[in-house]
Protein backbone atom coordinates (compact mmCIF):
# COMPACT_ATOMS: atom_id res chain seq x y z
CA UNK A 1 210.02 -56.43 -111.46
CA UNK A 2 211.05 -59.23 -109.08
CA UNK A 3 209.52 -62.69 -108.77
CA UNK A 4 207.64 -61.79 -105.59
CA UNK A 5 206.25 -58.65 -107.25
CA UNK A 6 204.65 -60.83 -109.93
CA UNK A 7 202.81 -62.97 -107.39
CA UNK A 8 201.86 -60.06 -105.15
CA UNK A 9 200.39 -58.00 -108.00
CA UNK A 10 198.31 -60.88 -109.28
CA UNK A 11 197.11 -61.73 -105.76
CA UNK A 12 196.09 -58.12 -105.21
CA UNK A 13 194.27 -57.97 -108.54
CA UNK A 14 192.52 -61.37 -108.40
CA UNK A 15 192.82 -62.89 -104.91
CA UNK A 16 190.04 -65.42 -105.50
CA UNK A 17 191.41 -66.96 -108.68
CA UNK A 18 192.95 -70.42 -108.43
CA UNK A 19 196.74 -70.26 -108.63
CA UNK A 20 197.82 -73.86 -107.93
CA UNK A 21 196.07 -77.23 -108.05
CA UNK A 22 197.76 -80.28 -106.54
CA UNK A 23 196.12 -83.61 -105.79
CA UNK A 24 192.70 -82.06 -106.27
CA UNK A 25 193.39 -79.31 -103.70
CA UNK A 26 193.06 -75.73 -104.95
CA UNK A 27 195.06 -72.77 -103.64
CA UNK A 28 193.94 -69.27 -104.57
CA UNK A 29 196.28 -66.39 -105.27
CA UNK A 30 195.19 -64.70 -102.03
CA UNK A 31 195.97 -67.79 -99.97
CA UNK A 32 199.25 -68.39 -101.81
CA UNK A 33 200.41 -64.81 -101.14
CA UNK A 34 199.56 -65.10 -97.45
CA UNK A 35 201.34 -68.45 -97.11
CA UNK A 36 204.41 -67.09 -98.90
CA UNK A 37 204.59 -64.05 -96.60
CA UNK A 38 204.32 -66.22 -93.49
CA UNK A 39 206.88 -68.78 -94.64
CA UNK A 40 209.29 -66.04 -95.72
CA UNK A 41 208.96 -64.55 -92.26
CA UNK A 42 209.58 -68.04 -90.84
CA UNK A 43 212.82 -68.28 -92.81
CA UNK A 44 213.79 -64.86 -91.52
CA UNK A 45 213.07 -65.93 -87.93
CA UNK A 46 215.62 -68.75 -88.31
CA UNK A 47 218.30 -66.17 -89.02
CA UNK A 48 218.36 -66.60 -92.79
CA UNK A 49 219.19 -63.36 -94.57
CA UNK A 50 219.32 -62.11 -98.19
CA UNK A 51 222.00 -63.90 -100.18
CA UNK A 52 221.89 -67.06 -98.05
CA UNK A 53 221.26 -70.26 -99.97
CA UNK A 54 218.34 -72.56 -99.23
CA UNK A 55 218.11 -76.04 -100.76
CA UNK A 56 214.75 -77.52 -101.77
CA UNK A 57 214.38 -81.30 -102.05
CA UNK A 58 210.65 -81.94 -102.44
CA UNK A 59 208.34 -83.62 -104.95
CA UNK A 60 206.03 -81.58 -107.18
CA UNK A 61 203.72 -80.16 -104.49
CA UNK A 62 202.17 -76.89 -103.39
CA UNK A 63 204.66 -76.83 -100.50
CA UNK A 64 207.52 -76.81 -103.00
CA UNK A 65 206.06 -73.84 -104.91
CA UNK A 66 205.34 -71.98 -101.67
CA UNK A 67 208.86 -72.59 -100.32
CA UNK A 68 210.45 -71.40 -103.58
CA UNK A 69 208.41 -68.17 -103.65
CA UNK A 70 208.99 -67.58 -99.93
CA UNK A 71 212.72 -67.91 -100.46
CA UNK A 72 212.56 -65.28 -103.19
CA UNK A 73 210.40 -63.04 -100.99
CA UNK A 74 213.08 -63.26 -98.28
CA UNK A 75 215.90 -62.60 -100.76
CA UNK A 76 217.30 -66.13 -100.44
CA UNK A 77 218.93 -68.05 -103.30
CA UNK A 78 217.19 -71.33 -104.17
CA UNK A 79 219.26 -74.46 -104.79
CA UNK A 80 217.15 -77.22 -106.32
CA UNK A 81 218.09 -80.76 -105.30
CA UNK A 82 216.38 -83.16 -107.76
CA UNK A 83 214.44 -85.92 -106.02
CA UNK A 84 215.55 -88.39 -108.69
CA UNK A 85 219.26 -87.58 -108.42
CA UNK A 86 221.65 -89.99 -106.64
CA UNK A 87 222.83 -88.86 -103.17
CA UNK A 88 226.40 -88.50 -104.40
CA UNK A 89 225.35 -85.87 -106.94
CA UNK A 90 223.28 -83.94 -104.39
CA UNK A 91 226.26 -84.05 -102.03
CA UNK A 92 228.31 -82.30 -104.71
CA UNK A 93 225.62 -79.64 -105.13
CA UNK A 94 225.48 -79.03 -101.38
CA UNK A 95 229.27 -78.81 -101.17
CA UNK A 96 229.41 -76.14 -103.88
CA UNK A 97 226.36 -74.07 -102.87
CA UNK A 98 226.81 -74.26 -99.07
CA UNK A 99 223.10 -73.80 -98.21
CA UNK A 100 222.23 -72.73 -94.68
CA UNK A 101 218.87 -74.51 -94.78
CA UNK A 102 217.11 -77.31 -96.63
CA UNK A 103 213.38 -77.92 -97.02
CA UNK A 104 212.54 -81.57 -97.57
CA UNK A 105 210.36 -84.43 -96.33
CA UNK A 106 210.92 -87.94 -94.97
CA UNK A 107 211.38 -89.38 -98.44
CA UNK A 108 213.83 -86.63 -99.31
CA UNK A 109 216.13 -87.10 -96.31
CA UNK A 110 217.91 -90.14 -97.82
CA UNK A 111 218.74 -88.00 -100.86
CA UNK A 112 221.17 -86.09 -98.67
CA UNK A 113 224.16 -87.98 -97.27
CA UNK A 114 224.61 -87.54 -93.53
CA UNK A 115 227.87 -85.68 -94.10
CA UNK A 116 226.00 -83.11 -96.24
CA UNK A 117 223.23 -82.65 -93.67
CA UNK A 118 225.83 -81.87 -91.01
CA UNK A 119 226.95 -78.83 -93.01
CA UNK A 120 223.41 -77.36 -93.11
CA UNK A 121 222.18 -75.28 -90.16
CA UNK A 122 218.43 -75.93 -90.51
CA UNK A 123 216.57 -78.98 -91.82
CA UNK A 124 212.93 -78.00 -92.40
CA UNK A 125 210.54 -80.94 -92.76
CA UNK A 126 207.12 -80.78 -94.40
CA UNK A 127 206.11 -84.05 -92.72
CA UNK A 128 207.15 -86.09 -89.71
CA UNK A 129 210.04 -85.33 -87.42
CA UNK A 130 213.79 -85.76 -87.33
CA UNK A 131 216.41 -84.93 -84.70
CA UNK A 132 217.06 -81.21 -84.90
CA UNK A 133 214.46 -80.78 -87.65
CA UNK A 134 212.20 -77.71 -87.90
CA UNK A 135 208.51 -78.39 -88.68
CA UNK A 136 207.35 -76.65 -91.87
CA UNK A 137 203.98 -76.02 -90.20
CA UNK A 138 205.56 -74.05 -87.36
CA UNK A 139 207.22 -71.66 -89.80
CA UNK A 140 203.90 -71.19 -91.59
CA UNK A 141 202.53 -69.80 -88.33
CA UNK A 142 205.05 -66.94 -88.22
CA UNK A 143 203.61 -63.42 -88.30
CA UNK A 144 204.71 -61.58 -91.47
CA UNK A 145 205.53 -58.46 -89.48
CA UNK A 146 209.06 -59.70 -88.72
CA UNK A 147 209.97 -59.51 -92.41
CA UNK A 148 211.13 -56.18 -93.86
CA UNK A 149 208.95 -54.66 -96.57
CA UNK A 150 211.77 -55.24 -99.05
CA UNK A 151 214.00 -58.12 -98.03
CA UNK A 152 216.92 -56.82 -100.04
CA UNK A 153 217.92 -53.43 -101.35
CA UNK A 154 219.38 -54.99 -104.50
CA UNK A 155 217.44 -54.14 -107.66
CA UNK A 156 218.00 -57.62 -109.11
CA UNK A 157 218.93 -60.17 -106.42
CA UNK A 158 220.04 -63.69 -107.23
CA UNK A 159 217.16 -66.16 -107.44
CA UNK A 160 218.56 -69.61 -108.31
CA UNK A 161 221.71 -71.64 -108.51
CA UNK A 162 221.08 -74.11 -111.33
CA UNK A 163 223.73 -76.76 -111.84
CA UNK A 164 224.97 -77.73 -115.28
CA UNK A 165 225.21 -81.42 -116.05
CA UNK A 166 229.01 -81.45 -116.09
CA UNK A 167 229.66 -81.91 -119.79
CA UNK A 168 233.16 -80.43 -119.65
CA UNK A 169 234.12 -81.06 -116.03
CA UNK A 170 232.67 -80.89 -112.55
CA UNK A 171 229.03 -79.61 -112.65
CA UNK A 172 228.96 -75.81 -112.36
CA UNK A 173 226.32 -73.73 -110.61
CA UNK A 174 224.84 -71.02 -112.81
CA UNK A 175 223.44 -68.00 -110.99
CA UNK A 176 220.22 -66.45 -112.30
CA UNK A 177 218.61 -63.27 -111.01
CA UNK A 178 214.98 -62.52 -110.21
CA UNK A 179 214.43 -59.59 -112.57
CA UNK A 180 216.01 -61.33 -115.55
CA UNK A 181 213.87 -64.43 -115.03
CA UNK A 182 210.80 -62.21 -114.72
CA UNK A 183 211.71 -60.48 -117.97
CA UNK A 184 212.14 -63.81 -119.77
CA UNK A 185 208.67 -64.77 -118.59
CA UNK A 186 207.25 -61.52 -119.91
CA UNK A 187 208.66 -62.18 -123.38
CA UNK A 188 207.19 -65.69 -123.38
CA UNK A 189 203.75 -64.51 -122.24
CA UNK A 190 203.70 -61.97 -125.06
CA UNK A 191 204.87 -64.47 -127.69
CA UNK A 192 202.28 -67.09 -126.68
CA UNK A 193 199.49 -64.59 -125.87
CA UNK A 194 198.95 -66.11 -122.42
CA UNK A 195 196.02 -64.83 -120.32
CA UNK A 196 194.26 -65.55 -117.05
CA UNK A 197 192.09 -68.08 -118.91
CA UNK A 198 195.08 -70.38 -119.40
CA UNK A 199 195.82 -73.51 -117.39
CA UNK A 200 199.12 -75.38 -117.63
CA UNK A 201 199.76 -78.99 -116.62
CA UNK A 202 203.27 -79.71 -115.31
CA UNK A 203 204.83 -83.04 -116.22
CA UNK A 204 208.10 -82.15 -114.44
CA UNK A 205 209.22 -80.51 -111.20
CA UNK A 206 208.18 -76.84 -110.95
CA UNK A 207 211.81 -76.05 -110.08
CA UNK A 208 213.13 -77.35 -113.37
CA UNK A 209 214.27 -74.11 -114.99
CA UNK A 210 212.10 -74.49 -118.09
CA UNK A 211 209.03 -75.46 -116.04
CA UNK A 212 209.48 -72.57 -113.62
CA UNK A 213 209.81 -69.88 -116.29
CA UNK A 214 207.58 -71.22 -119.07
CA UNK A 215 204.79 -72.57 -116.88
CA UNK A 216 204.80 -71.58 -113.19
CA UNK A 217 205.99 -67.98 -113.38
CA UNK A 218 204.21 -67.44 -116.71
CA UNK A 219 200.86 -68.39 -115.18
CA UNK A 220 201.48 -66.31 -112.06
CA UNK A 221 202.23 -63.30 -114.25
CA UNK A 222 198.92 -63.44 -116.12
CA UNK A 223 196.77 -64.93 -113.36
CA UNK A 224 196.36 -68.40 -114.86
CA UNK A 225 196.38 -71.76 -113.09
CA UNK A 226 199.25 -74.20 -112.52
CA UNK A 227 198.32 -77.88 -112.13
CA UNK A 228 201.10 -79.85 -110.45
CA UNK A 229 201.46 -83.48 -111.39
CA UNK A 230 203.93 -86.33 -111.06
CA UNK A 231 202.74 -88.85 -113.66
CA UNK A 232 204.54 -92.17 -113.31
CA UNK A 233 203.36 -93.50 -116.66
CA UNK A 234 201.50 -92.45 -119.80
CA UNK A 235 198.13 -93.68 -118.57
CA UNK A 236 198.41 -91.57 -115.42
CA UNK A 237 199.34 -88.50 -117.46
CA UNK A 238 196.23 -88.80 -119.61
CA UNK A 239 194.07 -89.27 -116.51
CA UNK A 240 195.49 -86.04 -115.07
CA UNK A 241 195.11 -84.36 -118.45
CA UNK A 242 191.39 -85.23 -118.47
CA UNK A 243 190.96 -83.75 -114.98
CA UNK A 244 193.00 -80.57 -115.57
CA UNK A 245 191.86 -79.85 -119.15
CA UNK A 246 194.93 -77.64 -119.72
CA UNK A 247 195.30 -75.03 -122.41
CA UNK A 248 198.99 -75.91 -122.70
CA UNK A 249 201.69 -78.17 -121.32
CA UNK A 250 205.39 -78.74 -121.93
CA UNK A 251 206.73 -82.14 -123.01
CA UNK A 252 210.28 -83.10 -123.86
CA UNK A 253 210.52 -84.95 -127.21
CA UNK A 254 211.09 -88.41 -125.69
CA UNK A 255 208.15 -87.97 -123.30
CA UNK A 256 205.94 -86.66 -126.12
CA UNK A 257 206.71 -89.76 -128.18
CA UNK A 258 205.72 -92.06 -125.31
CA UNK A 259 202.55 -90.14 -124.51
CA UNK A 260 201.28 -89.94 -128.06
CA UNK A 261 201.95 -93.60 -128.73
CA UNK A 262 199.51 -94.38 -125.89
CA UNK A 263 195.92 -95.15 -127.01
CA UNK A 264 194.52 -92.48 -124.67
CA UNK A 265 196.08 -89.72 -126.79
CA UNK A 266 193.62 -90.39 -129.61
CA UNK A 267 190.52 -90.37 -127.35
CA UNK A 268 191.48 -87.51 -124.99
CA UNK A 269 189.46 -84.30 -124.98
CA UNK A 270 191.77 -81.66 -126.51
CA UNK A 271 189.08 -79.00 -126.91
CA UNK A 272 190.62 -76.58 -124.38
CA UNK A 273 194.20 -77.16 -125.56
CA UNK A 274 195.73 -74.18 -127.38
CA UNK A 275 199.19 -75.62 -128.03
CA UNK A 276 201.87 -77.91 -126.62
CA UNK A 277 205.46 -76.87 -125.96
CA UNK A 278 208.64 -78.86 -126.39
CA UNK A 279 212.26 -77.84 -125.97
CA UNK A 280 215.46 -78.81 -127.71
CA UNK A 281 217.41 -78.27 -130.86
CA UNK A 282 214.61 -79.52 -133.08
CA UNK A 283 211.60 -81.75 -132.31
CA UNK A 284 211.70 -83.47 -135.70
CA UNK A 285 208.88 -83.35 -138.25
CA UNK A 286 207.62 -86.87 -137.44
CA UNK A 287 206.94 -85.95 -133.82
CA UNK A 288 205.31 -82.67 -134.84
CA UNK A 289 202.96 -84.48 -137.23
CA UNK A 290 202.11 -87.16 -134.68
CA UNK A 291 201.18 -84.64 -131.97
CA UNK A 292 199.31 -82.29 -134.25
CA UNK A 293 197.31 -85.08 -135.90
CA UNK A 294 196.20 -86.33 -132.47
CA UNK A 295 195.35 -82.94 -130.94
CA UNK A 296 194.58 -80.70 -133.88
CA UNK A 297 196.73 -78.07 -132.14
CA UNK A 298 200.32 -76.88 -132.80
CA UNK A 299 203.45 -78.29 -131.16
CA UNK A 300 205.71 -75.28 -130.63
CA UNK A 301 209.45 -75.71 -130.16
CA UNK A 302 211.44 -73.58 -127.69
CA UNK A 303 215.23 -73.37 -127.96
CA UNK A 304 217.54 -72.15 -125.22
CA UNK A 305 220.30 -73.02 -122.79
CA UNK A 306 220.70 -72.88 -119.01
CA UNK A 307 223.15 -69.98 -119.25
CA UNK A 308 221.06 -67.79 -121.55
CA UNK A 309 217.48 -68.97 -121.09
CA UNK A 310 214.94 -69.07 -123.90
CA UNK A 311 216.20 -67.44 -127.08
CA UNK A 312 214.10 -68.81 -129.95
CA UNK A 313 210.59 -70.16 -130.39
CA UNK A 314 208.03 -71.10 -132.97
CA UNK A 315 205.43 -68.36 -133.44
CA UNK A 316 201.91 -69.03 -132.23
CA UNK A 317 200.42 -67.92 -135.55
CA UNK A 318 201.66 -68.08 -139.11
CA UNK A 319 204.18 -70.46 -140.71
CA UNK A 320 206.41 -72.41 -138.33
CA UNK A 321 208.75 -74.16 -140.77
CA UNK A 322 208.26 -77.58 -139.21
CA UNK A 323 211.41 -79.06 -137.69
CA UNK A 324 213.22 -75.76 -137.20
CA UNK A 325 214.55 -74.38 -133.91
CA UNK A 326 212.29 -71.33 -134.26
CA UNK A 327 212.83 -67.58 -134.57
CA UNK A 328 214.69 -65.31 -132.11
CA UNK A 329 212.49 -63.85 -129.36
CA UNK A 330 212.19 -60.17 -128.57
CA UNK A 331 215.41 -58.77 -127.11
CA UNK A 332 217.58 -61.61 -128.52
CA UNK A 333 220.29 -61.21 -131.17
CA UNK A 334 221.72 -64.24 -132.97
CA UNK A 335 224.77 -64.57 -135.24
CA UNK A 336 226.20 -67.44 -137.27
CA UNK A 337 229.98 -67.36 -137.71
CA UNK A 338 232.66 -69.48 -139.34
CA UNK A 339 235.83 -70.81 -137.72
CA UNK A 340 237.48 -67.38 -137.97
CA UNK A 341 234.55 -65.59 -136.32
CA UNK A 342 233.24 -64.05 -139.56
CA UNK A 343 229.50 -63.94 -140.23
CA UNK A 344 228.31 -66.55 -142.74
CA UNK A 345 225.81 -65.88 -145.52
CA UNK A 346 222.10 -66.82 -145.21
CA UNK A 347 221.64 -70.52 -145.83
CA UNK A 348 225.21 -71.38 -144.78
CA UNK A 349 226.02 -73.29 -141.62
CA UNK A 350 227.86 -71.50 -138.84
CA UNK A 351 228.45 -71.58 -135.09
CA UNK A 352 225.56 -69.92 -133.23
CA UNK A 353 226.38 -66.91 -131.05
CA UNK A 354 223.73 -65.23 -128.90
CA UNK A 355 223.35 -61.87 -127.16
CA UNK A 356 220.56 -61.22 -124.67
CA UNK A 357 220.00 -58.99 -121.64
CA UNK A 358 218.50 -61.93 -119.77
CA UNK A 359 221.41 -64.31 -119.62
CA UNK A 360 222.96 -65.61 -116.41
CA UNK A 361 224.56 -63.45 -113.76
CA UNK A 362 227.54 -65.79 -113.94
CA UNK A 363 229.06 -69.05 -112.75
CA UNK A 364 228.97 -69.41 -108.96
CA UNK A 365 232.37 -68.78 -107.38
CA UNK A 366 234.07 -68.79 -110.79
CA UNK A 367 234.89 -65.23 -111.85
CA UNK A 368 237.40 -66.34 -114.50
CA UNK A 369 234.99 -68.64 -116.32
CA UNK A 370 232.23 -66.03 -116.15
CA UNK A 371 234.55 -63.44 -117.69
CA UNK A 372 235.73 -65.84 -120.40
CA UNK A 373 232.14 -66.67 -121.33
CA UNK A 374 230.68 -63.16 -121.41
CA UNK A 375 233.60 -60.78 -122.13
CA UNK A 376 232.91 -60.61 -125.90
CA UNK A 377 229.27 -59.70 -125.37
CA UNK A 378 228.23 -62.88 -127.22
CA UNK A 379 227.56 -66.34 -125.79
CA UNK A 380 228.97 -69.19 -127.87
CA UNK A 381 226.36 -71.99 -127.84
CA UNK A 382 228.72 -74.42 -129.62
CA UNK A 383 225.71 -75.39 -131.75
CA UNK A 384 225.91 -75.36 -135.54
CA UNK A 385 222.91 -73.88 -137.34
CA UNK A 386 221.77 -72.13 -140.48
CA UNK A 387 219.06 -69.54 -141.11
CA UNK A 388 216.53 -69.90 -143.91
CA UNK A 389 214.98 -67.11 -145.97
CA UNK A 390 212.09 -66.76 -143.52
CA UNK A 391 214.37 -66.10 -140.54
CA UNK A 392 213.97 -69.55 -138.96
CA UNK A 393 217.06 -71.26 -137.53
CA UNK A 394 217.81 -74.92 -138.24
CA UNK A 395 220.01 -77.15 -136.10
CA UNK A 396 222.90 -78.70 -138.03
CA UNK A 397 225.05 -80.32 -135.34
CA UNK A 398 227.51 -79.41 -132.61
CA UNK A 399 230.90 -77.77 -132.80
CA UNK A 400 231.96 -79.48 -129.56
CA UNK A 401 231.69 -82.98 -128.12
CA UNK A 402 228.59 -82.19 -126.09
CA UNK A 403 226.06 -85.05 -125.97
CA UNK A 404 222.43 -83.98 -125.56
CA UNK A 405 219.87 -86.62 -124.56
CA UNK A 406 216.20 -85.71 -124.32
CA UNK A 407 217.12 -81.99 -124.41
CA UNK A 408 219.45 -82.45 -121.40
CA UNK A 409 223.23 -82.12 -121.61
CA UNK A 410 224.87 -85.38 -120.62
CA UNK A 411 227.45 -85.14 -117.82
CA UNK A 412 230.21 -86.50 -120.04
CA UNK A 413 233.16 -85.41 -117.91
CA UNK A 414 231.55 -86.58 -114.68
CA UNK A 415 230.78 -89.99 -116.23
CA UNK A 416 234.36 -90.48 -117.42
CA UNK A 417 235.80 -89.25 -114.10
CA UNK A 418 233.59 -91.76 -112.29
CA UNK A 419 234.68 -94.62 -114.55
CA UNK A 420 238.32 -93.75 -113.87
CA UNK A 421 237.69 -94.38 -110.17
CA UNK A 422 237.36 -98.08 -110.98
CA UNK A 423 240.74 -99.72 -110.26
CA UNK A 424 240.73 -101.65 -113.55
CA UNK A 425 240.10 -98.69 -115.88
CA UNK A 426 242.98 -96.61 -117.22
CA UNK A 427 241.14 -94.34 -119.68
CA UNK A 428 237.52 -93.60 -120.58
CA UNK A 429 235.74 -91.56 -123.24
CA UNK A 430 232.04 -90.84 -123.79
CA UNK A 431 230.53 -90.29 -127.24
CA UNK A 432 227.03 -89.59 -128.48
CA UNK A 433 225.16 -92.05 -130.66
CA UNK A 434 222.29 -90.68 -132.80
CA UNK A 435 218.86 -91.76 -131.57
CA UNK A 436 215.53 -91.18 -133.32
CA UNK A 437 213.68 -90.34 -130.10
CA UNK A 438 216.23 -89.00 -127.61
CA UNK A 439 218.32 -87.14 -130.18
CA UNK A 440 221.50 -88.71 -128.83
CA UNK A 441 222.36 -91.39 -126.28
CA UNK A 442 225.70 -91.69 -124.47
CA UNK A 443 228.02 -94.64 -125.07
CA UNK A 444 231.14 -95.23 -122.95
CA UNK A 445 234.45 -96.67 -124.18
CA UNK A 446 237.19 -97.64 -121.74
CA UNK A 447 240.70 -99.05 -121.81
CA UNK A 448 241.96 -101.36 -119.06
CA UNK A 449 245.10 -101.05 -117.02
CA UNK A 450 247.77 -103.62 -117.77
CA UNK A 451 246.81 -107.10 -116.58
CA UNK A 452 243.55 -105.79 -115.11
CA UNK A 453 240.32 -107.78 -115.19
CA UNK A 454 237.48 -106.51 -117.35
CA UNK A 455 234.76 -105.34 -114.94
CA UNK A 456 231.19 -106.50 -115.37
CA UNK A 457 229.04 -104.04 -117.32
CA UNK A 458 226.40 -104.06 -114.56
CA UNK A 459 229.07 -103.02 -112.05
CA UNK A 460 230.10 -100.09 -114.25
CA UNK A 461 226.48 -99.05 -114.71
CA UNK A 462 225.91 -99.15 -110.95
CA UNK A 463 229.08 -97.15 -110.32
CA UNK A 464 228.01 -94.40 -112.73
CA UNK A 465 224.34 -94.43 -111.69
CA UNK A 466 225.33 -93.57 -108.14
CA UNK A 467 226.99 -90.34 -109.24
CA UNK A 468 225.08 -88.89 -112.22
CA UNK A 469 221.53 -88.17 -113.34
CA UNK A 470 219.64 -90.89 -115.20
CA UNK A 471 219.97 -89.20 -118.62
CA UNK A 472 223.78 -89.30 -118.31
CA UNK A 473 224.04 -93.05 -117.64
CA UNK A 474 225.54 -94.66 -120.79
CA UNK A 475 223.35 -97.08 -122.73
CA UNK A 476 226.41 -99.24 -123.39
CA UNK A 477 229.95 -99.80 -122.06
CA UNK A 478 232.57 -101.05 -124.54
CA UNK A 479 236.11 -102.11 -123.79
CA UNK A 480 238.69 -101.02 -126.33
CA UNK A 481 242.31 -102.13 -126.44
CA UNK A 482 243.64 -99.24 -128.52
CA UNK A 483 242.08 -95.87 -129.25
CA UNK A 484 241.52 -94.93 -132.91
CA UNK A 485 243.65 -91.86 -133.65
CA UNK A 486 243.44 -88.96 -136.07
CA UNK A 487 246.40 -87.95 -138.23
CA UNK A 488 247.25 -85.42 -135.55
CA UNK A 489 247.51 -88.18 -132.96
CA UNK A 490 244.33 -87.28 -131.09
CA UNK A 491 241.57 -89.74 -130.22
CA UNK A 492 239.31 -90.11 -133.25
CA UNK A 493 235.88 -89.48 -131.69
CA UNK A 494 234.18 -89.82 -135.06
CA UNK A 495 235.74 -93.27 -135.33
CA UNK A 496 234.45 -94.15 -131.87
CA UNK A 497 230.96 -93.02 -132.87
CA UNK A 498 231.12 -95.23 -135.95
CA UNK A 499 232.29 -98.14 -133.78
CA UNK A 500 229.45 -97.51 -131.32
CA UNK A 501 226.98 -97.52 -134.23
CA UNK A 502 228.38 -100.81 -135.53
CA UNK A 503 228.18 -102.46 -132.11
CA UNK A 504 224.63 -101.14 -131.64
CA UNK A 505 223.50 -102.60 -134.95
CA UNK A 506 225.16 -105.90 -134.12
CA UNK A 507 223.05 -106.07 -130.99
C-alpha cells in the first residue's frame, strides 16, 4: 500500500469525516482527496515526473499537507525545508537534493538564498506573487484527467529525502519509500489501537518524520482527525488543546516539561485524552510521573532513528517499566552485542543492533555508505542498552560521540567545521554535557591559531547559528590552550566533558 492509497481508501469509505483542522477551518476526507488529485495534476502539468524532487518550505498548514500528499500522488520525492532552519542550511539541502520545484510562501522565500532559487525550475507560492512564481491556486484548478491513474509503475517509490543533522560530517539525505512508511504506520496503529474516533494535535510540523508517520499518516489510515497547530508558547498550546480536545498528541521531553510546568496543565480538560507520546532514548521517570499525575493518562515512549524508523514502544496496556525505551514492535528484531560482536546475556549492557523490513532505502547519492550500513543485515544504532527480564530495553549510553539534545542528533561535525571557518580558530571539538531536561546539551571547545585574538563568544554563536539548526547551537564556547590527551595520544573527550561540567557549575 502506498501513501496515496491510504488517503484514497479512507476518502472513499468516509468522505464526510473531518481529516484536517487548521485555524478553525475543517477539511473533509472527500475534499482533501479532490484537492490532492488536482494539485498532483498541477505538478504534472509543470513537467514534473516521478522521481523528481519537490521542496516544501511552509508552516504547519492544510496547504502543506495537501502539497505533500499531492507530491506522493504524482510520484515525486518530498524534500522538507524547515521554516526555522537558517538559509545556509537550506542551501545545503537544496544543493544535495536538486529539487525541480519548491512550494513556499512570502515568509518562506527568505529561507532560500537567491543562488539556491536560481537552481529550481518552479517556485510555487501559496500567497502573493514573485517574479517567475507559479500561483498555488492556479495549480489547484487543474483537471485531474491529465494525471495517469498510477503515477509510477514502481511498487514502492521513494517518498522523502530526510536530512540527518550532520553528527559525523556533512548532513546526509536519507531516502524513505512510500510502502515502508505506510507499513510503519500500520504497526503503530495496531500497537496503539487507533480508530476513526481519535484526534491528534500536532505541536510540530507535519513533515517532521515522527509527526508524519505517528500522527498525520496514522490518522489518515484509520479515518481520524489531524489538528494542525503552531503554538508559540505553553499558554497557546493549552488554548489549542482545549479547542481540539485530542485523544493523543506527541511531545518531545523538553517540550513536555515546559507544558506541564504551566498552570494550565492542571486545569485542562483531559477527559478525551487516551495517552501522550514522547520520543527518545528514555523520557525519565520524573517526567512520566509529572505528566501522568496531571492527566491521569499514560505517557508512552517511542524509540527509533531516522534510518530505521520506529522500532520500540511502550505498550498501551499492561506494565510499562517506567523509564525504559520500550519493547520491540512487530516485525523488529533487536540484538545486544559486545565489542567483538557476540550477543550479551540478559541484564548485561551491549551495543544495540536492529533488523527491520521498514528501514531506509539508503543514503541519497551514497551507494558506498548505504552498503556499509546495511550489508550485515543489522543496523548499528551506536546506542548502549540492556534488556530486563520482562523484555523491556533500557538506555545505558552511547558507544560513539553522538550528542542528542531533545531527541534530536546534534550536528557535531557541521558545528566544528563552521567554527574552523573563523580565521582565529585552529581546532574545535564538540562534546555533550548531561542535562536533566534535554538529555544532553552541546558544548564547544576550541584552540586558537598562534598569536590569534580570542573571538567574542557572541560572534561564534552567530557564526554557528547561521549554519545549523537551533538544537545544534552550543550552549557554551570555551577556549582551551592544550587538549587533554589519553594514553594513546588521542583527545580525551571524557576529560573535556568533565571540564565542561566544571565550567558549567562555576557559572
